[in-house]
């Protein structure tokens, strides 16, 4: 099962279902609420949990969207997928100009 931890600037952290922070938070949060939290969905019982690769693709889409609309979102994201086999790291470019 996947695990998400949210942390703040003073080092406090908590385990959550999903989280977002930063200047693009207002752009990303509604997408996560809809696609992961299934909020405001009529047929949540028919939804299946996302695989790890589906989550990574969703996060890439969300960050790309935030990067297009928020000038303070950075030029790239570091995406780390931690599994029992190890850590897969990838640098995901957001801006190409």
C-alpha atoms as a PDB file:
ATOM      1  CA  UNK A   1       0.000   0.000   0.000  1.00  0.00           C
ATOM      2  CA  UNK A   2       1.173   3.483  -0.820  1.00  0.00           C
ATOM      3  CA  UNK A   3       1.973   5.979   1.913  1.00  0.00           C
ATOM      4  CA  UNK A   4       2.082   9.774   1.789  1.00  0.00           C
ATOM      5  CA  UNK A   5       3.610  12.004   4.432  1.00  0.00           C
ATOM      6  CA  UNK A   6       2.996  15.725   4.542  1.00  0.00           C
ATOM      7  CA  UNK A   7       5.539  17.923   6.266  1.00  0.00           C
ATOM      8  CA  UNK A   8       5.747  21.622   7.012  1.00  0.00           C
ATOM      9  CA  UNK A   9       8.507  24.186   7.257  1.00  0.00           C
ATOM     10  CA  UNK A  10       9.206  23.521  10.942  1.00  0.00           C
ATOM     11  CA  UNK A  11       9.635  19.780  10.387  1.00  0.00           C
ATOM     12  CA  UNK A  12       6.309  18.461  11.624  1.00  0.00           C
ATOM     13  CA  UNK A  13       4.877  15.629   9.555  1.00  0.00           C
ATOM     14  CA  UNK A  14       1.780  13.473   9.367  1.00  0.00           C
ATOM     15  CA  UNK A  15       0.570  10.516   7.343  1.00  0.00           C
ATOM     16  CA  UNK A  16      -2.178  11.550   4.907  1.00  0.00           C
ATOM     17  CA  UNK A  17      -4.066  10.087   1.955  1.00  0.00           C
ATOM     18  CA  UNK A  18      -2.650  12.776  -0.367  1.00  0.00           C
ATOM     19  CA  UNK A  19      -1.205  16.240  -0.047  1.00  0.00           C
ATOM     20  CA  UNK A  20       0.004  19.279  -1.919  1.00  0.00           C
ATOM     21  CA  UNK A  21       1.844  22.427  -0.906  1.00  0.00           C
ATOM     22  CA  UNK A  22       3.568  25.418  -2.414  1.00  0.00           C
ATOM     23  CA  UNK A  23       2.457  28.213  -4.679  1.00  0.00           C
ATOM     24  CA  UNK A  24       0.638  25.842  -7.045  1.00  0.00           C
ATOM     25  CA  UNK A  25      -1.329  24.208  -4.224  1.00  0.00           C
ATOM     26  CA  UNK A  26      -4.609  25.911  -5.144  1.00  0.00           C
ATOM     27  CA  UNK A  27      -4.285  24.567  -8.680  1.00  0.00           C
ATOM     28  CA  UNK A  28      -3.364  20.991  -7.756  1.00  0.00           C
ATOM     29  CA  UNK A  29      -5.599  20.357  -4.723  1.00  0.00           C
ATOM     30  CA  UNK A  30      -8.929  20.191  -6.648  1.00  0.00           C
ATOM     31  CA  UNK A  31      -7.449  17.640  -9.058  1.00  0.00           C
ATOM     32  CA  UNK A  32      -6.206  15.452  -6.200  1.00  0.00           C
ATOM     33  CA  UNK A  33      -9.552  15.774  -4.413  1.00  0.00           C
ATOM     34  CA  UNK A  34     -11.313  14.548  -7.537  1.00  0.00           C
ATOM     35  CA  UNK A  35      -8.949  11.856  -8.786  1.00  0.00           C
ATOM     36  CA  UNK A  36      -7.601  10.434  -5.516  1.00  0.00           C
ATOM     37  CA  UNK A  37     -10.078  11.522  -2.833  1.00  0.00           C
ATOM     38  CA  UNK A  38     -13.026  10.901  -5.163  1.00  0.00           C
ATOM     39  CA  UNK A  39     -14.783  13.876  -3.615  1.00  0.00           C
ATOM     40  CA  UNK A  40     -17.975  14.947  -5.319  1.00  0.00           C
ATOM     41  CA  UNK A  41     -18.098  11.712  -7.306  1.00  0.00           C
ATOM     42  CA  UNK A  42     -21.395   9.905  -7.699  1.00  0.00           C
ATOM     43  CA  UNK A  43     -20.077   6.378  -8.110  1.00  0.00           C
ATOM     44  CA  UNK A  44     -17.099   6.124  -5.774  1.00  0.00           C
ATOM     45  CA  UNK A  45     -17.857   2.466  -5.119  1.00  0.00           C
ATOM     46  CA  UNK A  46     -16.896   1.640  -8.699  1.00  0.00           C
ATOM     47  CA  UNK A  47     -13.517   3.416  -8.499  1.00  0.00           C
ATOM     48  CA  UNK A  48     -10.427   1.269  -8.129  1.00  0.00           C
ATOM     49  CA  UNK A  49      -7.241   2.396  -6.395  1.00  0.00           C
ATOM     50  CA  UNK A  50      -4.550   3.776  -8.688  1.00  0.00           C
ATOM     51  CA  UNK A  51      -1.360   1.836  -9.299  1.00  0.00           C
ATOM     52  CA  UNK A  52       1.982   3.434  -8.440  1.00  0.00           C
ATOM     53  CA  UNK A  53       2.644   4.261 -12.095  1.00  0.00           C
ATOM     54  CA  UNK A  54      -0.839   5.776 -12.482  1.00  0.00           C
ATOM     55  CA  UNK A  55      -0.166   7.977  -9.462  1.00  0.00           C
ATOM     56  CA  UNK A  56       3.149   9.132 -10.959  1.00  0.00           C
ATOM     57  CA  UNK A  57       1.393   9.977 -14.242  1.00  0.00           C
ATOM     58  CA  UNK A  58      -1.325  11.889 -12.360  1.00  0.00           C
ATOM     59  CA  UNK A  59       1.288  13.858 -10.421  1.00  0.00           C
ATOM     60  CA  UNK A  60       3.131  14.700 -13.636  1.00  0.00           C
ATOM     61  CA  UNK A  61      -0.112  16.000 -15.150  1.00  0.00           C
ATOM     62  CA  UNK A  62      -0.897  18.041 -12.038  1.00  0.00           C
ATOM     63  CA  UNK A  63       2.588  19.562 -11.858  1.00  0.00           C
ATOM     64  CA  UNK A  64       2.587  20.342 -15.575  1.00  0.00           C
ATOM     65  CA  UNK A  65      -0.737  22.114 -15.214  1.00  0.00           C
ATOM     66  CA  UNK A  66       0.439  24.086 -12.171  1.00  0.00           C
ATOM     67  CA  UNK A  67       3.679  25.000 -13.926  1.00  0.00           C
ATOM     68  CA  UNK A  68       1.772  26.429 -16.882  1.00  0.00           C
ATOM     69  CA  UNK A  69      -0.374  28.667 -14.669  1.00  0.00           C
ATOM     70  CA  UNK A  70       1.848  29.589 -11.724  1.00  0.00           C
ATOM     71  CA  UNK A  71       5.053  31.496 -12.422  1.00  0.00           C
ATOM     72  CA  UNK A  72       6.511  30.508  -9.043  1.00  0.00           C
ATOM     73  CA  UNK A  73       6.297  26.772  -9.685  1.00  0.00           C
ATOM     74  CA  UNK A  74       9.811  25.580 -10.423  1.00  0.00           C
ATOM     75  CA  UNK A  75      11.377  24.341 -13.637  1.00  0.00           C
ATOM     76  CA  UNK A  76      11.390  20.668 -12.689  1.00  0.00           C
ATOM     77  CA  UNK A  77      10.194  18.171 -10.101  1.00  0.00           C
ATOM     78  CA  UNK A  78      12.088  15.362  -8.443  1.00  0.00           C
ATOM     79  CA  UNK A  79       9.852  12.318  -8.375  1.00  0.00           C
ATOM     80  CA  UNK A  80      10.899   9.454  -6.111  1.00  0.00           C
ATOM     81  CA  UNK A  81       8.996   6.201  -6.116  1.00  0.00           C
ATOM     82  CA  UNK A  82       9.937   4.053  -3.133  1.00  0.00           C
ATOM     83  CA  UNK A  83       9.120   0.350  -3.345  1.00  0.00           C
ATOM     84  CA  UNK A  84      10.397  -2.772  -1.637  1.00  0.00           C
ATOM     85  CA  UNK A  85      12.758  -3.170  -4.608  1.00  0.00           C
ATOM     86  CA  UNK A  86      14.356   0.220  -3.947  1.00  0.00           C
ATOM     87  CA  UNK A  87      14.012   3.870  -4.920  1.00  0.00           C
ATOM     88  CA  UNK A  88      13.362   4.998  -8.483  1.00  0.00           C
ATOM     89  CA  UNK A  89      14.246   8.657  -8.988  1.00  0.00           C
ATOM     90  CA  UNK A  90      13.427  10.769 -12.004  1.00  0.00           C
ATOM     91  CA  UNK A  91      13.794  14.436 -12.799  1.00  0.00           C
ATOM     92  CA  UNK A  92      10.629  15.670 -14.496  1.00  0.00           C
ATOM     93  CA  UNK A  93      11.067  18.887 -16.466  1.00  0.00           C
ATOM     94  CA  UNK A  94       8.159  21.325 -16.231  1.00  0.00           C
ATOM     95  CA  UNK A  95       9.380  24.226 -18.304  1.00  0.00           C
ATOM     96  CA  UNK A  96      11.329  24.152 -21.532  1.00  0.00           C
ATOM     97  CA  UNK A  97      11.897  27.890 -22.150  1.00  0.00           C
END
